[in-house]
């Protein structure tokens, strides 16, 4: 076991929170009525009409609302049901955040560990200062285009998975990439960072069997997430950025774990303060944007440790989802996958689907939250939000 460094001890120092749960859905989820959650049925139908609109170009497969640990709404479409696995896409990134939190708690890795400790190729100019915490908040500085600014076909997200030089050992090829920024200087969303994180965990454990079992023995089995599949590359490294499959009911347990500060039925799964760190804006990586020609998304939304946040950034007029509370944080993925965790309402909103790439073919997440909170008698008026912004 490796000692957790001072950096980790400082940022994770916190008071243990009391659990919000009066039961744990380890065996099965319990249900309650919409009315028990303070939701007006008639107004809630406006949300359902939007989510399940048969004429819409977006397609919803699963929609769930969980309040105070109880399912108050659950619906399925297009042949999906509660035991059918759904591809997570980038939901997997937030799952990787939790797995790495477990590894930090167990002392397998430390947040201040230099990446070159596990990948000597990184012991070069600029790259030698990259530490694990940079990898966990998308600010390592490695050159990478999740979506290529000129043509989606040229995206590195495709290249690192499917090209002949890369697919056998994805993480090993990521560390050979050019450094574009100094670590911690620039946020750059990409699948490469969580893949590298899982590669670091693999090399830190140095035990193939224990590593292969780690997600199950240390997380999935404890929460009784029986449906989970987590893909690996040929070298045996978990594809931490997109390789997960499972049911909506199982994935929602990760949201409940986060809502309870990493506690599950009396056991601390995550380090104290991990949730707080994971849902905290990166500075200065988010606050000093580097312009890219034809870039698609750069510092328009705030980000933590593999979780999307709802804090306003200084260069923007208002927060990303103005019709939702500021403390909302989300796991999000390709084709409209969304899990919103809302601590102020002790609520989880989970939607899995099959959206297109163009705006008109996607569910608008802010509209989804607007309709939800209108059904709860809440009005987060965007006209009053321009000066809001959480501390980082």
Protein backbone atom coordinates (compact mmCIF):
# COMPACT_ATOMS: atom_id res chain seq x y z
CA UNK A 1 0.00 0.00 0.00
CA UNK A 2 1.21 3.51 -0.82
CA UNK A 3 0.90 6.38 1.62
CA UNK A 4 -1.69 8.99 0.66
CA UNK A 5 0.21 12.25 0.33
CA UNK A 6 -0.36 15.52 2.18
CA UNK A 7 -2.15 17.07 -0.84
CA UNK A 8 -4.77 14.35 -0.64
CA UNK A 9 -5.17 14.68 3.12
CA UNK A 10 -5.69 18.43 2.85
CA UNK A 11 -8.21 18.53 0.02
CA UNK A 12 -10.22 15.63 1.40
CA UNK A 13 -10.40 16.92 4.99
CA UNK A 14 -14.08 17.24 5.85
CA UNK A 15 -16.71 16.45 8.43
CA UNK A 16 -18.46 13.13 7.98
CA UNK A 17 -22.01 13.79 6.80
CA UNK A 18 -25.03 12.09 8.25
CA UNK A 19 -26.74 9.73 5.83
CA UNK A 20 -29.89 10.95 4.09
CA UNK A 21 -31.17 7.38 3.76
CA UNK A 22 -33.83 5.56 5.77
CA UNK A 23 -33.07 2.38 3.76
CA UNK A 24 -30.49 1.26 1.19
CA UNK A 25 -31.41 -0.15 -2.24
CA UNK A 26 -28.68 -2.79 -2.10
CA UNK A 27 -31.18 -5.56 -2.79
CA UNK A 28 -33.81 -3.49 -4.58
CA UNK A 29 -35.12 0.03 -4.97
CA UNK A 30 -38.28 1.04 -3.14
CA UNK A 31 -40.88 3.30 -4.72
CA UNK A 32 -43.04 6.19 -3.61
CA UNK A 33 -45.64 8.34 -5.31
CA UNK A 34 -44.92 11.56 -7.18
CA UNK A 35 -47.06 13.40 -4.62
CA UNK A 36 -44.81 12.21 -1.77
CA UNK A 37 -41.93 13.94 -3.55
CA UNK A 38 -43.86 17.20 -3.79
CA UNK A 39 -44.48 16.78 -7.53
CA UNK A 40 -47.74 17.91 -9.12
CA UNK A 41 -48.91 15.12 -11.42
CA UNK A 42 -50.58 17.37 -13.96
CA UNK A 43 -47.55 19.64 -14.31
CA UNK A 44 -45.24 16.61 -14.35
CA UNK A 45 -47.09 15.42 -17.47
CA UNK A 46 -45.61 18.43 -19.29
CA UNK A 47 -42.18 16.95 -18.62
CA UNK A 48 -43.25 13.47 -19.68
CA UNK A 49 -44.79 14.82 -22.89
CA UNK A 50 -41.45 16.43 -23.68
CA UNK A 51 -39.27 13.44 -22.77
CA UNK A 52 -41.46 10.88 -24.55
CA UNK A 53 -42.61 13.06 -27.49
CA UNK A 54 -43.24 10.50 -30.28
CA UNK A 55 -42.68 13.15 -32.96
CA UNK A 56 -39.32 14.28 -31.59
CA UNK A 57 -36.08 13.42 -33.36
CA UNK A 58 -34.51 12.40 -30.04
CA UNK A 59 -35.38 9.01 -28.60
CA UNK A 60 -35.60 8.29 -24.88
CA UNK A 61 -34.93 4.75 -23.67
CA UNK A 62 -35.11 5.27 -19.89
CA UNK A 63 -36.30 8.11 -17.66
CA UNK A 64 -36.18 7.98 -13.86
CA UNK A 65 -36.70 10.36 -10.96
CA UNK A 66 -35.36 9.35 -7.55
CA UNK A 67 -36.24 11.49 -4.52
CA UNK A 68 -34.92 10.81 -1.01
CA UNK A 69 -33.69 7.44 -2.21
CA UNK A 70 -37.06 6.30 -3.58
CA UNK A 71 -38.02 5.89 -7.23
CA UNK A 72 -40.97 8.21 -7.81
CA UNK A 73 -41.06 7.84 -11.59
CA UNK A 74 -39.63 5.16 -13.89
CA UNK A 75 -40.39 4.76 -17.58
CA UNK A 76 -38.93 2.79 -20.50
CA UNK A 77 -39.23 2.99 -24.27
CA UNK A 78 -38.06 1.35 -27.50
CA UNK A 79 -37.95 -2.15 -26.02
CA UNK A 80 -35.91 -1.24 -22.94
CA UNK A 81 -36.86 -2.44 -19.46
CA UNK A 82 -35.45 -2.46 -15.94
CA UNK A 83 -33.14 -5.44 -16.51
CA UNK A 84 -31.88 -4.52 -20.00
CA UNK A 85 -28.34 -3.15 -20.15
CA UNK A 86 -27.76 0.22 -21.81
CA UNK A 87 -24.48 1.58 -23.12
CA UNK A 88 -23.12 4.24 -20.75
CA UNK A 89 -20.92 6.11 -23.20
CA UNK A 90 -19.27 8.87 -21.12
CA UNK A 91 -21.28 7.97 -18.04
CA UNK A 92 -18.24 5.71 -17.66
CA UNK A 93 -16.07 8.73 -16.81
CA UNK A 94 -18.02 9.48 -13.63
CA UNK A 95 -17.92 5.78 -12.74
CA UNK A 96 -14.13 5.94 -13.18
CA UNK A 97 -14.04 8.93 -10.83
CA UNK A 98 -15.65 6.77 -8.13
CA UNK A 99 -13.33 3.82 -8.77
CA UNK A 100 -10.28 6.08 -8.52
CA UNK A 101 -11.71 7.53 -5.30
CA UNK A 102 -11.84 4.01 -3.90
CA UNK A 103 -8.21 3.48 -4.94
CA UNK A 104 -7.17 6.71 -3.21
CA UNK A 105 -9.01 5.70 -0.03
CA UNK A 106 -7.24 2.34 -0.02
CA UNK A 107 -3.85 4.03 -0.51
CA UNK A 108 -3.18 2.31 -3.83
CA UNK A 109 -2.54 5.68 -5.51
CA UNK A 110 -2.10 9.24 -4.26
CA UNK A 111 -3.45 12.39 -5.84
CA UNK A 112 0.04 13.92 -5.95
CA UNK A 113 1.60 10.89 -7.64
CA UNK A 114 3.49 11.97 -10.79
CA UNK A 115 2.29 10.05 -13.84
CA UNK A 116 5.89 9.22 -14.76
CA UNK A 117 5.96 7.03 -11.65
CA UNK A 118 3.76 4.61 -13.56
CA UNK A 119 4.59 5.58 -17.14
CA UNK A 120 8.30 6.50 -17.42
CA UNK A 121 7.61 7.91 -20.91
CA UNK A 122 6.13 10.94 -19.12
CA UNK A 123 9.46 11.82 -17.49
CA UNK A 124 10.20 14.37 -20.18
CA UNK A 125 10.02 18.14 -20.55
CA UNK A 126 6.57 19.53 -19.58
CA UNK A 127 5.09 16.05 -19.05
CA UNK A 128 7.13 15.26 -15.93
CA UNK A 129 5.01 17.61 -13.81
CA UNK A 130 1.69 15.92 -14.64
CA UNK A 131 0.18 14.40 -11.50
CA UNK A 132 -2.77 12.11 -10.94
CA UNK A 133 -5.06 14.96 -9.86
CA UNK A 134 -4.45 16.65 -13.24
CA UNK A 135 -5.52 13.46 -15.02
CA UNK A 136 -8.65 13.27 -12.86
CA UNK A 137 -9.86 16.76 -13.78
CA UNK A 138 -8.97 16.84 -17.49
CA UNK A 139 -6.06 19.26 -17.15
CA UNK A 140 -2.99 17.11 -17.87
CA UNK A 141 -2.08 19.25 -20.88
CA UNK A 142 -1.77 16.34 -23.32
CA UNK A 143 -2.73 17.28 -26.88
CA UNK A 144 -6.05 15.66 -27.67
CA UNK A 145 -9.22 16.52 -29.59
CA UNK A 146 -12.26 14.64 -28.30
CA UNK A 147 -14.13 16.11 -31.26
CA UNK A 148 -11.74 17.34 -33.96
CA UNK A 149 -12.39 21.03 -34.72
CA UNK A 150 -12.32 20.42 -38.49
CA UNK A 151 -13.83 16.96 -39.02
CA UNK A 152 -15.36 14.47 -36.57
CA UNK A 153 -13.71 11.59 -38.47
CA UNK A 154 -10.31 12.96 -37.41
CA UNK A 155 -11.25 12.98 -33.71
CA UNK A 156 -8.70 11.49 -31.35
CA UNK A 157 -11.57 9.76 -29.53
CA UNK A 158 -11.88 7.55 -32.62
CA UNK A 159 -8.13 7.33 -33.28
CA UNK A 160 -7.11 6.10 -29.82
CA UNK A 161 -9.76 3.37 -29.82
CA UNK A 162 -9.68 2.00 -33.32
CA UNK A 163 -6.40 2.77 -35.10
CA UNK A 164 -3.89 -0.04 -35.42
CA UNK A 165 -1.06 1.69 -33.48
CA UNK A 166 -3.30 2.36 -30.49
CA UNK A 167 -6.07 -0.12 -29.86
CA UNK A 168 -3.96 -2.87 -28.26
CA UNK A 169 -2.74 -0.65 -25.40
CA UNK A 170 -4.64 2.62 -25.36
CA UNK A 171 -3.21 4.13 -22.15
CA UNK A 172 0.40 3.44 -23.17
CA UNK A 173 -0.14 5.36 -26.39
CA UNK A 174 -1.85 8.28 -24.66
CA UNK A 175 1.25 9.05 -22.58
CA UNK A 176 3.29 9.33 -25.79
CA UNK A 177 1.14 12.19 -27.06
CA UNK A 178 2.54 15.70 -27.36
CA UNK A 179 2.13 18.08 -24.43
CA UNK A 180 0.14 21.13 -25.56
CA UNK A 181 -0.25 22.95 -22.22
CA UNK A 182 1.40 22.91 -18.84
CA UNK A 183 -0.43 20.63 -16.36
CA UNK A 184 -3.23 22.45 -14.58
CA UNK A 185 -3.19 25.32 -17.08
CA UNK A 186 -6.01 24.33 -19.45
CA UNK A 187 -9.13 22.19 -19.17
CA UNK A 188 -9.51 19.84 -22.14
CA UNK A 189 -12.37 17.37 -22.04
CA UNK A 190 -11.48 13.98 -23.47
CA UNK A 191 -11.76 10.22 -23.16
CA UNK A 192 -7.98 9.96 -22.92
CA UNK A 193 -7.72 11.11 -19.29
CA UNK A 194 -9.96 8.46 -17.66
CA UNK A 195 -8.36 5.75 -19.81
CA UNK A 196 -4.98 6.92 -18.50
CA UNK A 197 -6.36 6.97 -14.95
CA UNK A 198 -7.35 3.32 -15.24
CA UNK A 199 -3.94 2.55 -16.72
CA UNK A 200 -2.29 4.19 -13.72
CA UNK A 201 -4.42 2.11 -11.38
CA UNK A 202 -3.43 -1.04 -13.26
CA UNK A 203 0.28 -0.32 -12.96
CA UNK A 204 -0.03 0.78 -9.35
CA UNK A 205 -1.72 -2.50 -8.40
CA UNK A 206 0.68 -4.60 -10.49
CA UNK A 207 -1.59 -7.60 -10.03
CA UNK A 208 -3.61 -8.57 -13.10
CA UNK A 209 -6.20 -10.67 -11.28
CA UNK A 210 -6.75 -8.12 -8.50
CA UNK A 211 -7.05 -5.30 -11.05
CA UNK A 212 -9.56 -7.22 -13.18
CA UNK A 213 -11.68 -7.84 -10.07
CA UNK A 214 -11.24 -4.36 -8.55
CA UNK A 215 -14.39 -2.63 -9.92
CA UNK A 216 -16.52 -5.53 -8.69
CA UNK A 217 -14.94 -6.37 -5.34
CA UNK A 218 -14.51 -2.73 -4.28
CA UNK A 219 -17.65 -1.11 -5.74
CA UNK A 220 -20.14 -3.00 -7.91
CA UNK A 221 -20.59 -5.98 -5.57
CA UNK A 222 -20.93 -3.78 -2.50
CA UNK A 223 -23.79 -1.86 -4.12
CA UNK A 224 -25.15 -5.08 -5.70
CA UNK A 225 -24.75 -3.68 -9.22
CA UNK A 226 -25.09 -7.08 -10.89
CA UNK A 227 -25.66 -5.81 -14.43
CA UNK A 228 -22.35 -3.95 -14.84
CA UNK A 229 -20.02 -4.61 -17.75
CA UNK A 230 -16.74 -2.66 -18.00
CA UNK A 231 -14.81 -3.12 -21.24
CA UNK A 232 -11.02 -3.54 -21.41
CA UNK A 233 -8.54 -3.10 -24.25
CA UNK A 234 -6.30 -5.93 -25.48
CA UNK A 235 -3.72 -5.09 -22.81
CA UNK A 236 -6.37 -5.50 -20.12
CA UNK A 237 -6.82 -1.83 -19.21
CA UNK A 238 -10.37 -0.72 -18.44
CA UNK A 239 -11.64 1.82 -20.98
CA UNK A 240 -12.47 4.30 -18.26
CA UNK A 241 -13.90 6.95 -20.55
CA UNK A 242 -16.62 5.03 -22.37
CA UNK A 243 -16.52 1.29 -21.76
CA UNK A 244 -19.42 0.77 -19.35
CA UNK A 245 -22.76 -1.00 -19.77
CA UNK A 246 -25.54 -1.63 -17.27
CA UNK A 247 -29.10 -0.97 -16.21
CA UNK A 248 -30.46 2.43 -15.23
CA UNK A 249 -31.34 1.12 -11.76
CA UNK A 250 -27.76 0.03 -11.16
CA UNK A 251 -26.17 3.21 -12.51
CA UNK A 252 -28.48 5.32 -10.33
CA UNK A 253 -26.85 3.73 -7.27
CA UNK A 254 -23.69 5.68 -8.10
CA UNK A 255 -25.71 8.89 -7.88
CA UNK A 256 -27.06 7.81 -4.50
CA UNK A 257 -23.54 7.02 -3.31
CA UNK A 258 -22.46 10.55 -4.29
CA UNK A 259 -25.50 12.10 -2.58
CA UNK A 260 -24.44 10.36 0.63
CA UNK A 261 -20.83 11.61 0.53
CA UNK A 262 -19.48 8.22 -0.48
CA UNK A 263 -21.24 6.29 2.29
CA UNK A 264 -23.28 3.15 1.64
CA UNK A 265 -25.22 1.35 4.37
CA UNK A 266 -22.74 2.29 7.10
CA UNK A 267 -19.59 1.70 5.04
CA UNK A 268 -17.42 4.51 3.73
CA UNK A 269 -16.72 3.64 0.09
CA UNK A 270 -15.07 6.95 -0.90
CA UNK A 271 -12.61 9.10 1.06
CA UNK A 272 -14.08 11.88 3.17
CA UNK A 273 -14.26 14.95 0.94
CA UNK A 274 -13.99 13.05 -2.35
CA UNK A 275 -17.45 14.14 -3.46
CA UNK A 276 -16.65 17.74 -2.54
CA UNK A 277 -13.41 17.65 -4.55
CA UNK A 278 -15.07 15.92 -7.52
CA UNK A 279 -17.79 18.58 -7.75
CA UNK A 280 -15.46 21.57 -7.38
CA UNK A 281 -14.45 23.80 -10.31
CA UNK A 282 -10.91 23.52 -11.61
CA UNK A 283 -8.81 26.66 -11.29
CA UNK A 284 -7.08 28.03 -13.27
CA UNK A 285 -7.72 25.39 -15.94
CA UNK A 286 -11.32 26.47 -16.50
CA UNK A 287 -10.83 30.17 -15.97
CA UNK A 288 -8.13 30.94 -18.55
CA UNK A 289 -9.50 29.53 -21.79
CA UNK A 290 -7.17 29.01 -24.73
CA UNK A 291 -8.96 29.73 -28.00
CA UNK A 292 -8.93 27.04 -30.66
CA UNK A 293 -9.87 27.60 -34.30
CA UNK A 294 -13.30 26.13 -35.02
CA UNK A 295 -13.46 24.59 -31.55
CA UNK A 296 -16.79 23.07 -30.56
CA UNK A 297 -16.86 23.36 -26.78
CA UNK A 298 -14.31 25.19 -24.68
CA UNK A 299 -15.09 26.43 -21.18
CA UNK A 300 -18.80 26.83 -21.84
CA UNK A 301 -19.62 24.45 -19.01
CA UNK A 302 -17.83 24.07 -15.70
CA UNK A 303 -16.26 20.79 -14.74
CA UNK A 304 -14.94 18.98 -11.70
CA UNK A 305 -13.42 15.51 -11.49
CA UNK A 306 -15.19 13.65 -14.32
CA UNK A 307 -18.48 15.34 -13.33
CA UNK A 308 -20.11 18.30 -15.14
CA UNK A 309 -21.06 21.17 -12.83
CA UNK A 310 -23.64 23.97 -12.87
CA UNK A 311 -21.46 26.81 -11.59
CA UNK A 312 -21.19 29.99 -13.63
CA UNK A 313 -17.77 30.65 -15.13
CA UNK A 314 -16.44 34.23 -15.09
CA UNK A 315 -16.49 34.56 -18.88
CA UNK A 316 -20.16 33.50 -19.13
CA UNK A 317 -23.32 35.47 -18.30
CA UNK A 318 -25.00 32.69 -16.38
CA UNK A 319 -24.53 29.12 -15.31
CA UNK A 320 -24.90 26.29 -17.86
CA UNK A 321 -28.32 25.12 -16.63
CA UNK A 322 -30.04 28.25 -15.33
CA UNK A 323 -33.36 26.49 -14.65
CA UNK A 324 -31.71 24.05 -12.25
CA UNK A 325 -30.14 24.67 -8.83
CA UNK A 326 -26.52 25.73 -8.76
CA UNK A 327 -25.48 22.60 -6.85
CA UNK A 328 -26.57 20.29 -9.70
CA UNK A 329 -23.77 18.08 -11.00
CA UNK A 330 -24.09 15.61 -13.85
CA UNK A 331 -22.71 12.53 -15.46
CA UNK A 332 -23.23 13.07 -19.18
CA UNK A 333 -22.58 10.98 -22.25
CA UNK A 334 -22.88 10.79 -26.01
CA UNK A 335 -26.40 10.55 -27.45
CA UNK A 336 -28.04 12.32 -24.55
CA UNK A 337 -27.09 10.18 -21.54
CA UNK A 338 -27.74 12.30 -18.44
CA UNK A 339 -27.69 11.68 -14.71
CA UNK A 340 -28.26 14.82 -12.68
CA UNK A 341 -27.47 14.68 -8.97
CA UNK A 342 -29.12 17.52 -7.03
CA UNK A 343 -28.09 17.65 -3.35
CA UNK A 344 -30.38 20.58 -2.45
CA UNK A 345 -33.38 18.41 -3.39
CA UNK A 346 -31.83 15.03 -2.47
CA UNK A 347 -32.75 14.00 -5.99
CA UNK A 348 -31.41 12.06 -8.96
CA UNK A 349 -32.68 12.58 -12.52
CA UNK A 350 -31.60 9.84 -14.92
CA UNK A 351 -32.21 9.76 -18.65
CA UNK A 352 -30.74 7.33 -21.18
CA UNK A 353 -31.46 7.72 -24.84
CA UNK A 354 -30.37 7.85 -28.44
CA UNK A 355 -30.11 11.49 -29.48
CA UNK A 356 -28.54 12.74 -32.68
CA UNK A 357 -25.58 15.10 -33.05
CA UNK A 358 -27.45 18.23 -34.16
CA UNK A 359 -29.22 20.50 -31.62
CA UNK A 360 -32.72 19.75 -32.97
CA UNK A 361 -32.13 16.03 -32.46
CA UNK A 362 -31.22 16.33 -28.77
CA UNK A 363 -33.18 16.64 -25.57
CA UNK A 364 -32.47 20.06 -24.08
CA UNK A 365 -31.30 19.31 -20.56
CA UNK A 366 -32.14 22.78 -19.24
CA UNK A 367 -35.72 22.47 -20.53
CA UNK A 368 -35.96 19.08 -18.84
CA UNK A 369 -34.96 20.61 -15.50
CA UNK A 370 -37.23 23.60 -16.03
CA UNK A 371 -40.28 21.39 -16.52
CA UNK A 372 -39.31 19.18 -13.58
CA UNK A 373 -38.94 22.04 -11.13
CA UNK A 374 -42.09 23.74 -12.37
CA UNK A 375 -43.90 20.54 -11.39
CA UNK A 376 -42.39 20.98 -7.91
CA UNK A 377 -43.45 24.61 -7.64
CA UNK A 378 -39.87 25.85 -8.04
CA UNK A 379 -38.80 28.60 -10.40
CA UNK A 380 -35.09 29.11 -10.94
CA UNK A 381 -35.48 32.31 -12.96
CA UNK A 382 -32.43 32.77 -15.24
CA UNK A 383 -32.92 36.54 -15.25
CA UNK A 384 -31.88 36.58 -11.62
CA UNK A 385 -28.87 34.30 -12.01
CA UNK A 386 -26.28 36.35 -13.86
CA UNK A 387 -24.31 37.21 -10.75
CA UNK A 388 -24.36 33.74 -9.25
CA UNK A 389 -21.30 31.52 -9.20
CA UNK A 390 -20.21 28.96 -6.63
CA UNK A 391 -16.85 29.11 -4.91
CA UNK A 392 -14.21 26.80 -6.24
